[in-house]
Amino acid sequence: MLIAAVGLDEHGHKQSARSASGRQGENAEVCTSLITELVGGLDTARPILAVLDGSKALASAVKQVWANAL
């Protein structure tokens, strides 16, 4: 399994941000690790839109990590 984060700049150009891999289906540990790394490189003082694929583990990780980053 591979989870990838892709960002868009102010001109709409895609930029690969981070990726993480795991052995079994998406799980909270892999997702939380990816989001934690991603937040470390972002300006969280500016609004950020997170678009997810419906994964409960990924949604949980975003909520948990962003709550601690703000």
C-alpha atoms as a PDB file:
ATOM      1  CA  MET A   1       0.000   0.000   0.000  1.00  0.00           C
ATOM      2  CA  LEU A   2       1.232   3.476  -0.850  1.00  0.00           C
ATOM      3  CA  ILE A   3      -0.256   6.738   0.398  1.00  0.00           C
ATOM      4  CA  ALA A   4       0.786   9.912  -1.402  1.00  0.00           C
ATOM      5  CA  ALA A   5       0.200  13.567  -0.652  1.00  0.00           C
ATOM      6  CA  VAL A   6       0.070  15.894  -3.641  1.00  0.00           C
ATOM      7  CA  GLY A   7      -0.030  19.659  -3.303  1.00  0.00           C
ATOM      8  CA  LEU A   8      -1.031  22.454  -5.637  1.00  0.00           C
ATOM      9  CA  ASP A   9       0.773  25.779  -5.771  1.00  0.00           C
ATOM     10  CA  GLU A  10      -0.908  29.138  -6.305  1.00  0.00           C
ATOM     11  CA  HIS A  11      -0.767  28.559 -10.083  1.00  0.00           C
ATOM     12  CA  GLY A  12      -2.439  25.145  -9.921  1.00  0.00           C
ATOM     13  CA  HIS A  13       0.740  23.165 -10.622  1.00  0.00           C
ATOM     14  CA  LYS A  14       0.924  19.778  -8.885  1.00  0.00           C
ATOM     15  CA  GLN A  15       3.790  19.094  -6.533  1.00  0.00           C
ATOM     16  CA  SER A  16       4.536  15.771  -4.894  1.00  0.00           C
ATOM     17  CA  ALA A  17       4.669  16.496  -1.175  1.00  0.00           C
ATOM     18  CA  ARG A  18       5.227  13.208   0.684  1.00  0.00           C
ATOM     19  CA  SER A  19       4.510   9.505   0.462  1.00  0.00           C
ATOM     20  CA  ALA A  20       4.401   6.609   2.915  1.00  0.00           C
ATOM     21  CA  SER A  21       4.065   2.877   2.493  1.00  0.00           C
ATOM     22  CA  GLY A  22       2.773   0.092   4.683  1.00  0.00           C
ATOM     23  CA  ARG A  23       2.274  -3.655   4.538  1.00  0.00           C
ATOM     24  CA  GLN A  24      -1.453  -3.906   5.108  1.00  0.00           C
ATOM     25  CA  GLY A  25      -4.374  -1.722   4.080  1.00  0.00           C
ATOM     26  CA  GLU A  26      -4.410   1.918   5.082  1.00  0.00           C
ATOM     27  CA  ASN A  27      -3.952   2.123   8.810  1.00  0.00           C
ATOM     28  CA  ALA A  28      -3.827   4.942  11.312  1.00  0.00           C
ATOM     29  CA  GLU A  29      -0.107   4.613  12.052  1.00  0.00           C
ATOM     30  CA  VAL A  30       1.006   5.042   8.419  1.00  0.00           C
ATOM     31  CA  CYS A  31      -1.494   7.847   7.808  1.00  0.00           C
ATOM     32  CA  THR A  32      -0.561   9.701  10.993  1.00  0.00           C
ATOM     33  CA  SER A  33       3.134   9.450  10.145  1.00  0.00           C
ATOM     34  CA  LEU A  34       2.544  10.852   6.649  1.00  0.00           C
ATOM     35  CA  ILE A  35       0.396  13.757   7.838  1.00  0.00           C
ATOM     36  CA  THR A  36       2.828  14.584  10.665  1.00  0.00           C
ATOM     37  CA  GLU A  37       5.718  14.828   8.175  1.00  0.00           C
ATOM     38  CA  LEU A  38       3.601  16.876   5.804  1.00  0.00           C
ATOM     39  CA  VAL A  39       2.509  19.407   8.445  1.00  0.00           C
ATOM     40  CA  GLY A  40       6.148  19.940   9.425  1.00  0.00           C
ATOM     41  CA  GLY A  41       6.814  21.475   6.008  1.00  0.00           C
ATOM     42  CA  LEU A  42       3.682  23.624   5.697  1.00  0.00           C
ATOM     43  CA  ASP A  43       2.822  27.131   6.812  1.00  0.00           C
ATOM     44  CA  THR A  44      -0.109  26.213   9.052  1.00  0.00           C
ATOM     45  CA  ALA A  45      -0.831  29.892   9.748  1.00  0.00           C
ATOM     46  CA  ARG A  46      -2.417  30.020   6.285  1.00  0.00           C
ATOM     47  CA  PRO A  47      -5.663  28.200   5.443  1.00  0.00           C
ATOM     48  CA  ILE A  48      -5.146  24.653   4.169  1.00  0.00           C
ATOM     49  CA  LEU A  49      -7.657  22.524   2.296  1.00  0.00           C
ATOM     50  CA  ALA A  50      -7.278  18.757   2.753  1.00  0.00           C
ATOM     51  CA  VAL A  51      -9.081  16.684   0.118  1.00  0.00           C
ATOM     52  CA  LEU A  52      -9.280  13.025   1.129  1.00  0.00           C
ATOM     53  CA  ASP A  53     -10.293   9.830  -0.650  1.00  0.00           C
ATOM     54  CA  GLY A  54     -12.757   8.612   1.973  1.00  0.00           C
ATOM     55  CA  SER A  55     -10.279   6.650   4.090  1.00  0.00           C
ATOM     56  CA  LYS A  56     -11.345   6.708   7.744  1.00  0.00           C
ATOM     57  CA  ALA A  57      -7.732   6.264   8.884  1.00  0.00           C
ATOM     58  CA  LEU A  58      -6.566   9.203   6.772  1.00  0.00           C
ATOM     59  CA  ALA A  59      -9.426  11.456   7.910  1.00  0.00           C
ATOM     60  CA  SER A  60      -8.682  10.607  11.538  1.00  0.00           C
ATOM     61  CA  ALA A  61      -4.975  11.345  11.071  1.00  0.00           C
ATOM     62  CA  VAL A  62      -5.671  14.722   9.448  1.00  0.00           C
ATOM     63  CA  LYS A  63      -8.015  15.753  12.265  1.00  0.00           C
ATOM     64  CA  GLN A  64      -5.636  14.559  14.988  1.00  0.00           C
ATOM     65  CA  VAL A  65      -2.426  16.042  13.562  1.00  0.00           C
ATOM     66  CA  TRP A  66      -3.936  19.355  12.420  1.00  0.00           C
ATOM     67  CA  ALA A  67      -5.593  19.878  15.816  1.00  0.00           C
ATOM     68  CA  ASN A  68      -2.162  19.608  17.442  1.00  0.00           C
ATOM     69  CA  ALA A  69      -0.459  21.806  14.816  1.00  0.00           C
ATOM     70  CA  LEU A  70      -2.796  24.780  15.250  1.00  0.00           C
END
